[in-house]
Amino acid sequence: MLRLDTKDTRPLHEQVAAAVRRAVAEGEFRPGDRLPSARDLAQALDVNVNTVLRGLRDLRDAGVLEFRRGRGVTVAAGADRRSGLLEQARALVAEAARAGYGRDELIEMIRGIP
């Protein structure tokens, strides 16, 4: 299930949206899947229902989720390809290799980014 990082300083609605987006990217929720109700998500994440709804609306506006009357909130078609983060990470590793940096050096560079 979804989790929030208690050390994250971002607003809670952004953390909720990021957790759902990550779950979609990792295949926990697939296009067409129905998400648990906002009330259930709020209870599981220990946040207010309005906070969850705000995060879900942000994802709807980004095309990741669809709100449908009578069907609840579902993952939009193609949402699992939207983040592209894995592809970007692969491209970064390849670019670092071309520049003569190994993975460990790249990881250290990333850790140094504020």
PDB file of N, CA and C in Angstrom:
ATOM      1  N   MET A   1       0.838  -1.196   0.000  1.00  0.00           N
ATOM      2  CA  MET A   1       0.000   0.000   0.000  1.00  0.00           C
ATOM      3  C   MET A   1       0.876   1.250   0.000  1.00  0.00           C
ATOM      4  N   LEU A   2       0.271   2.360  -0.174  1.00  0.00           N
ATOM      5  CA  LEU A   2       0.971   3.640  -0.253  1.00  0.00           C
ATOM      6  C   LEU A   2       1.518   4.038   1.115  1.00  0.00           C
ATOM      7  N   ARG A   3       2.644   4.765   1.066  1.00  0.00           N
ATOM      8  CA  ARG A   3       3.262   5.262   2.289  1.00  0.00           C
ATOM      9  C   ARG A   3       3.772   6.678   2.048  1.00  0.00           C
ATOM     10  N   LEU A   4       3.791   7.467   3.116  1.00  0.00           N
ATOM     11  CA  LEU A   4       4.379   8.796   3.052  1.00  0.00           C
ATOM     12  C   LEU A   4       5.650   8.795   3.888  1.00  0.00           C
ATOM     13  N   ASP A   5       6.611   9.596   3.464  1.00  0.00           N
ATOM     14  CA  ASP A   5       7.870   9.733   4.181  1.00  0.00           C
ATOM     15  C   ASP A   5       7.706  10.852   5.205  1.00  0.00           C
ATOM     16  N   THR A   6       7.811  10.516   6.479  1.00  0.00           N
ATOM     17  CA  THR A   6       7.608  11.510   7.540  1.00  0.00           C
ATOM     18  C   THR A   6       8.671  12.602   7.534  1.00  0.00           C
ATOM     19  N   LYS A   7       9.801  12.370   6.866  1.00  0.00           N
ATOM     20  CA  LYS A   7      10.873  13.365   6.804  1.00  0.00           C
ATOM     21  C   LYS A   7      10.732  14.295   5.599  1.00  0.00           C
ATOM     22  N   ASP A   8       9.808  13.986   4.712  1.00  0.00           N
ATOM     23  CA  ASP A   8       9.595  14.797   3.512  1.00  0.00           C
ATOM     24  C   ASP A   8       8.999  16.142   3.912  1.00  0.00           C
ATOM     25  N   THR A   9       9.557  17.225   3.397  1.00  0.00           N
ATOM     26  CA  THR A   9       9.094  18.564   3.769  1.00  0.00           C
ATOM     27  C   THR A   9       8.081  19.147   2.780  1.00  0.00           C
ATOM     28  N   ARG A  10       7.789  18.417   1.709  1.00  0.00           N
ATOM     29  CA  ARG A  10       6.808  18.908   0.741  1.00  0.00           C
ATOM     30  C   ARG A  10       5.424  18.926   1.365  1.00  0.00           C
ATOM     31  N   PRO A  11       4.513  19.746   0.847  1.00  0.00           N
ATOM     32  CA  PRO A  11       3.133  19.722   1.337  1.00  0.00           C
ATOM     33  C   PRO A  11       2.552  18.312   1.215  1.00  0.00           C
ATOM     34  N   LEU A  12       1.667  17.970   2.134  1.00  0.00           N
ATOM     35  CA  LEU A  12       1.124  16.611   2.180  1.00  0.00           C
ATOM     36  C   LEU A  12       0.408  16.210   0.894  1.00  0.00           C
ATOM     37  N   HIS A  13      -0.319  17.145   0.264  1.00  0.00           N
ATOM     38  CA  HIS A  13      -1.034  16.763  -0.958  1.00  0.00           C
ATOM     39  C   HIS A  13      -0.054  16.384  -2.071  1.00  0.00           C
ATOM     40  N   GLU A  14       1.121  17.033  -2.102  1.00  0.00           N
ATOM     41  CA  GLU A  14       2.140  16.673  -3.092  1.00  0.00           C
ATOM     42  C   GLU A  14       2.731  15.306  -2.779  1.00  0.00           C
ATOM     43  N   GLN A  15       2.889  15.006  -1.497  1.00  0.00           N
ATOM     44  CA  GLN A  15       3.394  13.695  -1.098  1.00  0.00           C
ATOM     45  C   GLN A  15       2.396  12.594  -1.464  1.00  0.00           C
ATOM     46  N   VAL A  16       1.116  12.866  -1.271  1.00  0.00           N
ATOM     47  CA  VAL A  16       0.080  11.896  -1.646  1.00  0.00           C
ATOM     48  C   VAL A  16       0.132  11.646  -3.149  1.00  0.00           C
ATOM     49  N   ALA A  17       0.196  12.725  -3.927  1.00  0.00           N
ATOM     50  CA  ALA A  17       0.256  12.592  -5.387  1.00  0.00           C
ATOM     51  C   ALA A  17       1.497  11.807  -5.800  1.00  0.00           C
ATOM     52  N   ALA A  18       2.631  12.097  -5.175  1.00  0.00           N
ATOM     53  CA  ALA A  18       3.871  11.392  -5.513  1.00  0.00           C
ATOM     54  C   ALA A  18       3.782   9.915  -5.166  1.00  0.00           C
ATOM     55  N   ALA A  19       3.146   9.591  -4.045  1.00  0.00           N
ATOM     56  CA  ALA A  19       3.007   8.187  -3.643  1.00  0.00           C
ATOM     57  C   ALA A  19       2.136   7.424  -4.638  1.00  0.00           C
ATOM     58  N   VAL A  20       1.066   8.045  -5.087  1.00  0.00           N
ATOM     59  CA  VAL A  20       0.188   7.386  -6.070  1.00  0.00           C
ATOM     60  C   VAL A  20       0.914   7.261  -7.404  1.00  0.00           C
ATOM     61  N   ARG A  21       1.592   8.324  -7.821  1.00  0.00           N
ATOM     62  CA  ARG A  21       2.338   8.283  -9.082  1.00  0.00           C
ATOM     63  C   ARG A  21       3.392   7.181  -9.057  1.00  0.00           C
ATOM     64  N   ARG A  22       4.090   7.054  -7.917  1.00  0.00           N
ATOM     65  CA  ARG A  22       5.113   6.014  -7.766  1.00  0.00           C
ATOM     66  C   ARG A  22       4.471   4.623  -7.836  1.00  0.00           C
ATOM     67  N   ALA A  23       3.324   4.457  -7.193  1.00  0.00           N
ATOM     68  CA  ALA A  23       2.631   3.165  -7.224  1.00  0.00           C
ATOM     69  C   ALA A  23       2.228   2.800  -8.649  1.00  0.00           C
ATOM     70  N   VAL A  24       1.810   3.788  -9.429  1.00  0.00           N
ATOM     71  CA  VAL A  24       1.465   3.544 -10.833  1.00  0.00           C
ATOM     72  C   VAL A  24       2.718   3.175 -11.614  1.00  0.00           C
ATOM     73  N   ALA A  25       3.794   3.934 -11.406  1.00  0.00           N
ATOM     74  CA  ALA A  25       5.045   3.674 -12.138  1.00  0.00           C
ATOM     75  C   ALA A  25       5.611   2.300 -11.812  1.00  0.00           C
ATOM     76  N   GLU A  26       5.407   1.832 -10.582  1.00  0.00           N
ATOM     77  CA  GLU A  26       5.938   0.530 -10.169  1.00  0.00           C
ATOM     78  C   GLU A  26       4.972  -0.620 -10.436  1.00  0.00           C
ATOM     79  N   GLY A  27       3.813  -0.308 -11.020  1.00  0.00           N
ATOM     80  CA  GLY A  27       2.877  -1.364 -11.395  1.00  0.00           C
ATOM     81  C   GLY A  27       1.933  -1.819 -10.302  1.00  0.00           C
ATOM     82  N   GLU A  28       1.930  -1.145  -9.167  1.00  0.00           N
ATOM     83  CA  GLU A  28       0.982  -1.506  -8.114  1.00  0.00           C
ATOM     84  C   GLU A  28      -0.445  -1.190  -8.547  1.00  0.00           C
ATOM     85  N   PHE A  29      -0.589  -0.099  -9.278  1.00  0.00           N
ATOM     86  CA  PHE A  29      -1.862   0.256  -9.904  1.00  0.00           C
ATOM     87  C   PHE A  29      -1.603   0.329 -11.391  1.00  0.00           C
ATOM     88  N   ARG A  30      -2.424  -0.322 -12.167  1.00  0.00           N
ATOM     89  CA  ARG A  30      -2.260  -0.350 -13.621  1.00  0.00           C
ATOM     90  C   ARG A  30      -3.380   0.448 -14.287  1.00  0.00           C
ATOM     91  N   PRO A  31      -3.161   0.881 -15.531  1.00  0.00           N
ATOM     92  CA  PRO A  31      -4.226   1.599 -16.235  1.00  0.00           C
ATOM     93  C   PRO A  31      -5.536   0.819 -16.177  1.00  0.00           C
ATOM     94  N   GLY A  32      -6.597   1.541 -15.837  1.00  0.00           N
ATOM     95  CA  GLY A  32      -7.918   0.937 -15.704  1.00  0.00           C
ATOM     96  C   GLY A  32      -8.239   0.492 -14.291  1.00  0.00           C
ATOM     97  N   ASP A  33      -7.235   0.329 -13.437  1.00  0.00           N
ATOM     98  CA  ASP A  33      -7.472  -0.062 -12.047  1.00  0.00           C
ATOM     99  C   ASP A  33      -8.178   1.058 -11.297  1.00  0.00           C
ATOM    100  N   ARG A  34      -9.042   0.652 -10.421  1.00  0.00           N
ATOM    101  CA  ARG A  34      -9.737   1.602  -9.556  1.00  0.00           C
ATOM    102  C   ARG A  34      -8.940   1.777  -8.267  1.00  0.00           C
ATOM    103  N   LEU A  35      -8.729   3.017  -7.865  1.00  0.00           N
ATOM    104  CA  LEU A  35      -8.038   3.304  -6.621  1.00  0.00           C
ATOM    105  C   LEU A  35      -8.993   3.130  -5.445  1.00  0.00           C
ATOM    106  N   PRO A  36      -8.449   2.867  -4.267  1.00  0.00           N
ATOM    107  CA  PRO A  36      -9.300   2.860  -3.078  1.00  0.00           C
ATOM    108  C   PRO A  36      -9.959   4.238  -2.923  1.00  0.00           C
ATOM    109  N   SER A  37     -11.016   4.302  -2.155  1.00  0.00           N
ATOM    110  CA  SER A  37     -11.697   5.579  -1.961  1.00  0.00           C
ATOM    111  C   SER A  37     -10.777   6.571  -1.274  1.00  0.00           C
ATOM    112  N   ALA A  38     -11.075   7.848  -1.457  1.00  0.00           N
ATOM    113  CA  ALA A  38     -10.271   8.897  -0.814  1.00  0.00           C
ATOM    114  C   ALA A  38     -10.291   8.717   0.695  1.00  0.00           C
ATOM    115  N   ARG A  39     -11.418   8.313   1.227  1.00  0.00           N
ATOM    116  CA  ARG A  39     -11.514   8.093   2.672  1.00  0.00           C
ATOM    117  C   ARG A  39     -10.586   6.970   3.112  1.00  0.00           C
ATOM    118  N   ASP A  40     -10.557   5.873   2.349  1.00  0.00           N
ATOM    119  CA  ASP A  40      -9.672   4.748   2.685  1.00  0.00           C
ATOM    120  C   ASP A  40      -8.199   5.148   2.548  1.00  0.00           C
ATOM    121  N   LEU A  41      -7.883   5.888   1.499  1.00  0.00           N
ATOM    122  CA  LEU A  41      -6.502   6.359   1.328  1.00  0.00           C
ATOM    123  C   LEU A  41      -6.099   7.285   2.470  1.00  0.00           C
ATOM    124  N   ALA A  42      -6.996   8.195   2.841  1.00  0.00           N
ATOM    125  CA  ALA A  42      -6.700   9.123   3.929  1.00  0.00           C
ATOM    126  C   ALA A  42      -6.447   8.375   5.231  1.00  0.00           C
ATOM    127  N   GLN A  43      -7.248   7.373   5.487  1.00  0.00           N
ATOM    128  CA  GLN A  43      -7.066   6.583   6.705  1.00  0.00           C
ATOM    129  C   GLN A  43      -5.740   5.817   6.665  1.00  0.00           C
ATOM    130  N   ALA A  44      -5.419   5.223   5.530  1.00  0.00           N
ATOM    131  CA  ALA A  44      -4.187   4.447   5.405  1.00  0.00           C
ATOM    132  C   ALA A  44      -2.952   5.337   5.523  1.00  0.00           C
ATOM    133  N   LEU A  45      -3.038   6.558   4.988  1.00  0.00           N
ATOM    134  CA  LEU A  45      -1.898   7.481   5.002  1.00  0.00           C
ATOM    135  C   LEU A  45      -1.889   8.386   6.230  1.00  0.00           C
ATOM    136  N   ASP A  46      -2.958   8.325   7.011  1.00  0.00           N
ATOM    137  CA  ASP A  46      -3.091   9.133   8.219  1.00  0.00           C
ATOM    138  C   ASP A  46      -3.048  10.627   7.910  1.00  0.00           C
ATOM    139  N   VAL A  47      -3.825  11.004   6.884  1.00  0.00           N
ATOM    140  CA  VAL A  47      -3.969  12.416   6.521  1.00  0.00           C
ATOM    141  C   VAL A  47      -5.454  12.710   6.324  1.00  0.00           C
ATOM    142  N   ASN A  48      -5.784  13.975   6.182  1.00  0.00           N
ATOM    143  CA  ASN A  48      -7.150  14.410   5.975  1.00  0.00           C
ATOM    144  C   ASN A  48      -7.646  14.011   4.582  1.00  0.00           C
ATOM    145  N   VAL A  49      -8.923  13.716   4.476  1.00  0.00           N
ATOM    146  CA  VAL A  49      -9.522  13.334   3.189  1.00  0.00           C
ATOM    147  C   VAL A  49      -9.336  14.442   2.157  1.00  0.00           C
ATOM    148  N   ASN A  50      -9.465  15.694   2.573  1.00  0.00           N
ATOM    149  CA  ASN A  50      -9.300  16.806   1.631  1.00  0.00           C
ATOM    150  C   ASN A  50      -7.878  16.870   1.091  1.00  0.00           C
ATOM    151  N   THR A  51      -6.909  16.483   1.894  1.00  0.00           N
ATOM    152  CA  THR A  51      -5.516  16.435   1.436  1.00  0.00           C
ATOM    153  C   THR A  51      -5.367  15.392   0.338  1.00  0.00           C
ATOM    154  N   VAL A  52      -5.969  14.224   0.550  1.00  0.00           N
ATOM    155  CA  VAL A  52      -5.933  13.158  -0.459  1.00  0.00           C
ATOM    156  C   VAL A  52      -6.625  13.630  -1.734  1.00  0.00           C
ATOM    157  N   LEU A  53      -7.788  14.226  -1.594  1.00  0.00           N
ATOM    158  CA  LEU A  53      -8.529  14.686  -2.771  1.00  0.00           C
ATOM    159  C   LEU A  53      -7.741  15.726  -3.558  1.00  0.00           C
ATOM    160  N   ARG A  54      -7.044  16.607  -2.865  1.00  0.00           N
ATOM    161  CA  ARG A  54      -6.240  17.607  -3.568  1.00  0.00           C
ATOM    162  C   ARG A  54      -5.116  16.939  -4.356  1.00  0.00           C
ATOM    163  N   GLY A  55      -4.449  15.951  -3.759  1.00  0.00           N
ATOM    164  CA  GLY A  55      -3.402  15.217  -4.464  1.00  0.00           C
ATOM    165  C   GLY A  55      -3.958  14.460  -5.663  1.00  0.00           C
ATOM    166  N   LEU A  56      -5.116  13.837  -5.494  1.00  0.00           N
ATOM    167  CA  LEU A  56      -5.734  13.091  -6.598  1.00  0.00           C
ATOM    168  C   LEU A  56      -6.159  14.031  -7.720  1.00  0.00           C
ATOM    169  N   ARG A  57      -6.662  15.209  -7.368  1.00  0.00           N
ATOM    170  CA  ARG A  57      -7.042  16.183  -8.407  1.00  0.00           C
ATOM    171  C   ARG A  57      -5.816  16.637  -9.198  1.00  0.00           C
ATOM    172  N   ASP A  58      -4.691  16.826  -8.502  1.00  0.00           N
ATOM    173  CA  ASP A  58      -3.458  17.194  -9.216  1.00  0.00           C
ATOM    174  C   ASP A  58      -3.090  16.120 -10.238  1.00  0.00           C
ATOM    175  N   LEU A  59      -3.246  14.853  -9.846  1.00  0.00           N
ATOM    176  CA  LEU A  59      -2.938  13.747 -10.767  1.00  0.00           C
ATOM    177  C   LEU A  59      -3.955  13.661 -11.898  1.00  0.00           C
ATOM    178  N   ARG A  60      -5.199  13.994 -11.602  1.00  0.00           N
ATOM    179  CA  ARG A  60      -6.206  14.042 -12.670  1.00  0.00           C
ATOM    180  C   ARG A  60      -5.832  15.119 -13.678  1.00  0.00           C
ATOM    181  N   ASP A  61      -5.436  16.285 -13.169  1.00  0.00           N
ATOM    182  CA  ASP A  61      -5.070  17.392 -14.054  1.00  0.00           C
ATOM    183  C   ASP A  61      -3.830  17.066 -14.886  1.00  0.00           C
ATOM    184  N   ALA A  62      -2.972  16.187 -14.359  1.00  0.00           N
ATOM    185  CA  ALA A  62      -1.760  15.771 -15.081  1.00  0.00           C
ATOM    186  C   ALA A  62      -2.032  14.600 -16.026  1.00  0.00           C
ATOM    187  N   GLY A  63      -3.261  14.101 -16.035  1.00  0.00           N
ATOM    188  CA  GLY A  63      -3.618  13.012 -16.930  1.00  0.00           C
ATOM    189  C   GLY A  63      -3.275  11.628 -16.416  1.00  0.00           C
ATOM    190  N   VAL A  64      -2.915  11.524 -15.145  1.00  0.00           N
ATOM    191  CA  VAL A  64      -2.558  10.224 -14.571  1.00  0.00           C
ATOM    192  C   VAL A  64      -3.797   9.470 -14.105  1.00  0.00           C
ATOM    193  N   LEU A  65      -4.788  10.211 -13.604  1.00  0.00           N
ATOM    194  CA  LEU A  65      -6.017   9.597 -13.084  1.00  0.00           C
ATOM    195  C   LEU A  65      -7.233  10.132 -13.823  1.00  0.00           C
ATOM    196  N   GLU A  66      -8.302   9.361 -13.759  1.00  0.00           N
ATOM    197  CA  GLU A  66      -9.591   9.785 -14.309  1.00  0.00           C
ATOM    198  C   GLU A  66     -10.628   9.674 -13.210  1.00  0.00           C
ATOM    199  N   PHE A  67     -11.476  10.680 -13.100  1.00  0.00           N
ATOM    200  CA  PHE A  67     -12.584  10.644 -12.149  1.00  0.00           C
ATOM    201  C   PHE A  67     -13.844  10.358 -12.955  1.00  0.00           C
ATOM    202  N   ARG A  68     -14.552   9.319 -12.578  1.00  0.00           N
ATOM    203  CA  ARG A  68     -15.782   8.974 -13.299  1.00  0.00           C
ATOM    204  C   ARG A  68     -16.898   8.715 -12.309  1.00  0.00           C
ATOM    205  N   ARG A  69     -18.014   9.338 -12.559  1.00  0.00           N
ATOM    206  CA  ARG A  69     -19.170   9.132 -11.709  1.00  0.00           C
ATOM    207  C   ARG A  69     -19.575   7.670 -11.703  1.00  0.00           C
ATOM    208  N   GLY A  70     -19.775   7.171 -10.513  1.00  0.00           N
ATOM    209  CA  GLY A  70     -20.212   5.788 -10.377  1.00  0.00           C
ATOM    210  C   GLY A  70     -19.082   4.773 -10.472  1.00  0.00           C
ATOM    211  N   ARG A  71     -17.907   5.191 -10.950  1.00  0.00           N
ATOM    212  CA  ARG A  71     -16.775   4.269 -11.078  1.00  0.00           C
ATOM    213  C   ARG A  71     -15.607   4.666 -10.198  1.00  0.00           C
ATOM    214  N   GLY A  72     -15.688   5.831  -9.590  1.00  0.00           N
ATOM    215  CA  GLY A  72     -14.614   6.276  -8.715  1.00  0.00           C
ATOM    216  C   GLY A  72     -13.427   6.801  -9.492  1.00  0.00           C
ATOM    217  N   VAL A  73     -12.271   6.670  -8.886  1.00  0.00           N
ATOM    218  CA  VAL A  73     -11.023   7.175  -9.471  1.00  0.00           C
ATOM    219  C   VAL A  73     -10.269   5.990 -10.061  1.00  0.00           C
ATOM    220  N   THR A  74      -9.932   6.092 -11.338  1.00  0.00           N
ATOM    221  CA  THR A  74      -9.199   5.024 -12.005  1.00  0.00           C
ATOM    222  C   THR A  74      -7.905   5.572 -12.600  1.00  0.00           C
ATOM    223  N   VAL A  75      -6.956   4.674 -12.819  1.00  0.00           N
ATOM    224  CA  VAL A  75      -5.699   5.040 -13.451  1.00  0.00           C
ATOM    225  C   VAL A  75      -5.950   5.208 -14.942  1.00  0.00           C
ATOM    226  N   ALA A  76      -5.514   6.322 -15.489  1.00  0.00           N
ATOM    227  CA  ALA A  76      -5.739   6.633 -16.901  1.00  0.00           C
ATOM    228  C   ALA A  76      -4.910   5.721 -17.800  1.00  0.00           C
ATOM    229  N   ALA A  77      -5.422   5.493 -18.986  1.00  0.00           N
ATOM    230  CA  ALA A  77      -4.681   4.716 -19.977  1.00  0.00           C
ATOM    231  C   ALA A  77      -3.369   5.420 -20.276  1.00  0.00           C
ATOM    232  N   GLY A  78      -2.291   4.676 -20.292  1.00  0.00           N
ATOM    233  CA  GLY A  78      -0.977   5.231 -20.578  1.00  0.00           C
ATOM    234  C   GLY A  78      -0.301   5.887 -19.390  1.00  0.00           C
ATOM    235  N   ALA A  79      -0.961   5.927 -18.242  1.00  0.00           N
ATOM    236  CA  ALA A  79      -0.381   6.593 -17.068  1.00  0.00           C
ATOM    237  C   ALA A  79       0.892   5.911 -16.601  1.00  0.00           C
ATOM    238  N   ASP A  80       1.006   4.619 -16.844  1.00  0.00           N
ATOM    239  CA  ASP A  80       2.195   3.901 -16.402  1.00  0.00           C
ATOM    240  C   ASP A  80       3.423   4.291 -17.221  1.00  0.00           C
ATOM    241  N   ARG A  81       3.226   4.964 -18.333  1.00  0.00           N
ATOM    242  CA  ARG A  81       4.353   5.419 -19.157  1.00  0.00           C
ATOM    243  C   ARG A  81       4.643   6.899 -18.946  1.00  0.00           C
ATOM    244  N   ARG A  82       3.822   7.582 -18.206  1.00  0.00           N
ATOM    245  CA  ARG A  82       3.932   9.035 -18.105  1.00  0.00           C
ATOM    246  C   ARG A  82       5.169   9.500 -17.362  1.00  0.00           C
ATOM    247  N   SER A  83       5.571   8.792 -16.331  1.00  0.00           N
ATOM    248  CA  SER A  83       6.667   9.339 -15.537  1.00  0.00           C
ATOM    249  C   SER A  83       7.956   9.342 -16.337  1.00  0.00           C
ATOM    250  N   GLY A  84       8.264   8.273 -17.050  1.00  0.00           N
ATOM    251  CA  GLY A  84       9.472   8.219 -17.848  1.00  0.00           C
ATOM    252  C   GLY A  84      10.744   8.280 -17.021  1.00  0.00           C
ATOM    253  N   LEU A  85      10.610   8.196 -15.719  1.00  0.00           N
ATOM    254  CA  LEU A  85      11.771   8.340 -14.846  1.00  0.00           C
ATOM    255  C   LEU A  85      12.793   7.244 -15.059  1.00  0.00           C
ATOM    256  N   LEU A  86      12.337   6.019 -15.251  1.00  0.00           N
ATOM    257  CA  LEU A  86      13.271   4.919 -15.466  1.00  0.00           C
ATOM    258  C   LEU A  86      14.076   5.139 -16.747  1.00  0.00           C
ATOM    259  N   GLU A  87      13.412   5.582 -17.795  1.00  0.00           N
ATOM    260  CA  GLU A  87      14.113   5.850 -19.044  1.00  0.00           C
ATOM    261  C   GLU A  87      15.127   6.981 -18.869  1.00  0.00           C
ATOM    262  N   GLN A  88      14.751   8.010 -18.119  1.00  0.00           N
ATOM    263  CA  GLN A  88      15.669   9.116 -17.873  1.00  0.00           C
ATOM    264  C   GLN A  88      16.865   8.658 -17.050  1.00  0.00           C
ATOM    265  N   ALA A  89      16.619   7.781 -16.088  1.00  0.00           N
ATOM    266  CA  ALA A  89      17.719   7.262 -15.269  1.00  0.00           C
ATOM    267  C   ALA A  89      18.680   6.448 -16.129  1.00  0.00           C
ATOM    268  N   ARG A  90      18.136   5.624 -17.009  1.00  0.00           N
ATOM    269  CA  ARG A  90      18.993   4.844 -17.904  1.00  0.00           C
ATOM    270  C   ARG A  90      19.824   5.750 -18.803  1.00  0.00           C
ATOM    271  N   ALA A  91      19.192   6.800 -19.304  1.00  0.00           N
ATOM    272  CA  ALA A  91      19.906   7.739 -20.164  1.00  0.00           C
ATOM    273  C   ALA A  91      21.006   8.455 -19.375  1.00  0.00           C
ATOM    274  N   LEU A  92      20.730   8.783 -18.126  1.00  0.00           N
ATOM    275  CA  LEU A  92      21.735   9.439 -17.289  1.00  0.00           C
ATOM    276  C   LEU A  92      22.919   8.520 -17.035  1.00  0.00           C
ATOM    277  N   VAL A  93      22.646   7.245 -16.745  1.00  0.00           N
ATOM    278  CA  VAL A  93      23.725   6.275 -16.520  1.00  0.00           C
ATOM    279  C   VAL A  93      24.562   6.129 -17.795  1.00  0.00           C
ATOM    280  N   ALA A  94      23.902   6.065 -18.941  1.00  0.00           N
ATOM    281  CA  ALA A  94      24.617   5.931 -20.212  1.00  0.00           C
ATOM    282  C   ALA A  94      25.457   7.175 -20.498  1.00  0.00           C
ATOM    283  N   GLU A  95      24.909   8.347 -20.252  1.00  0.00           N
ATOM    284  CA  GLU A  95      25.650   9.594 -20.474  1.00  0.00           C
ATOM    285  C   GLU A  95      26.848   9.687 -19.538  1.00  0.00           C
ATOM    286  N   ALA A  96      26.667   9.282 -18.295  1.00  0.00           N
ATOM    287  CA  ALA A  96      27.779   9.286 -17.339  1.00  0.00           C
ATOM    288  C   ALA A  96      28.888   8.345 -17.806  1.00  0.00           C
ATOM    289  N   ALA A  97      28.500   7.176 -18.314  1.00  0.00           N
ATOM    290  CA  ALA A  97      29.497   6.213 -18.807  1.00  0.00           C
ATOM    291  C   ALA A  97      30.274   6.792 -19.984  1.00  0.00           C
ATOM    292  N   ARG A  98      29.567   7.474 -20.888  1.00  0.00           N
ATOM    293  CA  ARG A  98      30.238   8.103 -22.036  1.00  0.00           C
ATOM    294  C   ARG A  98      31.220   9.176 -21.574  1.00  0.00           C
ATOM    295  N   ALA A  99      30.909   9.806 -20.455  1.00  0.00           N
ATOM    296  CA  ALA A  99      31.786  10.857 -19.927  1.00  0.00           C
ATOM    297  C   ALA A  99      32.874  10.287 -19.019  1.00  0.00           C
ATOM    298  N   GLY A 100      32.880   8.967 -18.856  1.00  0.00           N
ATOM    299  CA  GLY A 100      33.931   8.339 -18.076  1.00  0.00           C
ATOM    300  C   GLY A 100      33.631   8.141 -16.599  1.00  0.00           C
ATOM    301  N   TYR A 101      32.377   8.319 -16.203  1.00  0.00           N
ATOM    302  CA  TYR A 101      32.001   8.137 -14.811  1.00  0.00           C
ATOM    303  C   TYR A 101      31.342   6.782 -14.604  1.00  0.00           C
ATOM    304  N   GLY A 102      31.685   6.130 -13.513  1.00  0.00           N
ATOM    305  CA  GLY A 102      31.052   4.870 -13.143  1.00  0.00           C
ATOM    306  C   GLY A 102      29.778   5.130 -12.358  1.00  0.00           C
ATOM    307  N   ARG A 103      29.015   4.072 -12.123  1.00  0.00           N
ATOM    308  CA  ARG A 103      27.758   4.197 -11.379  1.00  0.00           C
ATOM    309  C   ARG A 103      27.974   4.756  -9.978  1.00  0.00           C
ATOM    310  N   ASP A 104      28.999   4.276  -9.291  1.00  0.00           N
ATOM    311  CA  ASP A 104      29.241   4.751  -7.931  1.00  0.00           C
ATOM    312  C   ASP A 104      29.541   6.247  -7.917  1.00  0.00           C
ATOM    313  N   GLU A 105      30.316   6.701  -8.912  1.00  0.00           N
ATOM    314  CA  GLU A 105      30.616   8.130  -8.996  1.00  0.00           C
ATOM    315  C   GLU A 105      29.351   8.936  -9.290  1.00  0.00           C
ATOM    316  N   LEU A 106      28.505   8.391 -10.150  1.00  0.00           N
ATOM    317  CA  LEU A 106      27.247   9.047 -10.473  1.00  0.00           C
ATOM    318  C   LEU A 106      26.358   9.133  -9.233  1.00  0.00           C
ATOM    319  N   ILE A 107      26.298   8.068  -8.481  1.00  0.00           N
ATOM    320  CA  ILE A 107      25.490   8.054  -7.264  1.00  0.00           C
ATOM    321  C   ILE A 107      25.990   9.108  -6.283  1.00  0.00           C
ATOM    322  N   GLU A 108      27.302   9.226  -6.154  1.00  0.00           N
ATOM    323  CA  GLU A 108      27.860  10.241  -5.264  1.00  0.00           C
ATOM    324  C   GLU A 108      27.525  11.650  -5.748  1.00  0.00           C
ATOM    325  N   MET A 109      27.536  11.856  -7.069  1.00  0.00           N
ATOM    326  CA  MET A 109      27.142  13.156  -7.616  1.00  0.00           C
ATOM    327  C   MET A 109      25.697  13.465  -7.249  1.00  0.00           C
ATOM    328  N   ILE A 110      24.832  12.482  -7.406  1.00  0.00           N
ATOM    329  CA  ILE A 110      23.421  12.668  -7.111  1.00  0.00           C
ATOM    330  C   ILE A 110      23.222  12.962  -5.634  1.00  0.00           C
ATOM    331  N   ARG A 111      23.929  12.249  -4.784  1.00  0.00           N
ATOM    332  CA  ARG A 111      23.825  12.500  -3.338  1.00  0.00           C
ATOM    333  C   ARG A 111      24.240  13.917  -2.980  1.00  0.00           C
ATOM    334  N   GLY A 112      25.139  14.482  -3.747  1.00  0.00           N
ATOM    335  CA  GLY A 112      25.606  15.835  -3.478  1.00  0.00           C
ATOM    336  C   GLY A 112      24.669  16.926  -3.939  1.00  0.00           C
ATOM    337  N   ILE A 113      23.634  16.562  -4.665  1.00  0.00           N
ATOM    338  CA  ILE A 113      22.676  17.559  -5.147  1.00  0.00           C
ATOM    339  C   ILE A 113      21.730  17.924  -3.999  1.00  0.00           C
ATOM    340  N   PRO A 114      21.614  19.222  -3.701  1.00  0.00           N
ATOM    341  CA  PRO A 114      20.726  19.631  -2.586  1.00  0.00           C
ATOM    342  C   PRO A 114      19.261  19.430  -2.924  1.00  0.00           C
TER     343      PRO A 114
END
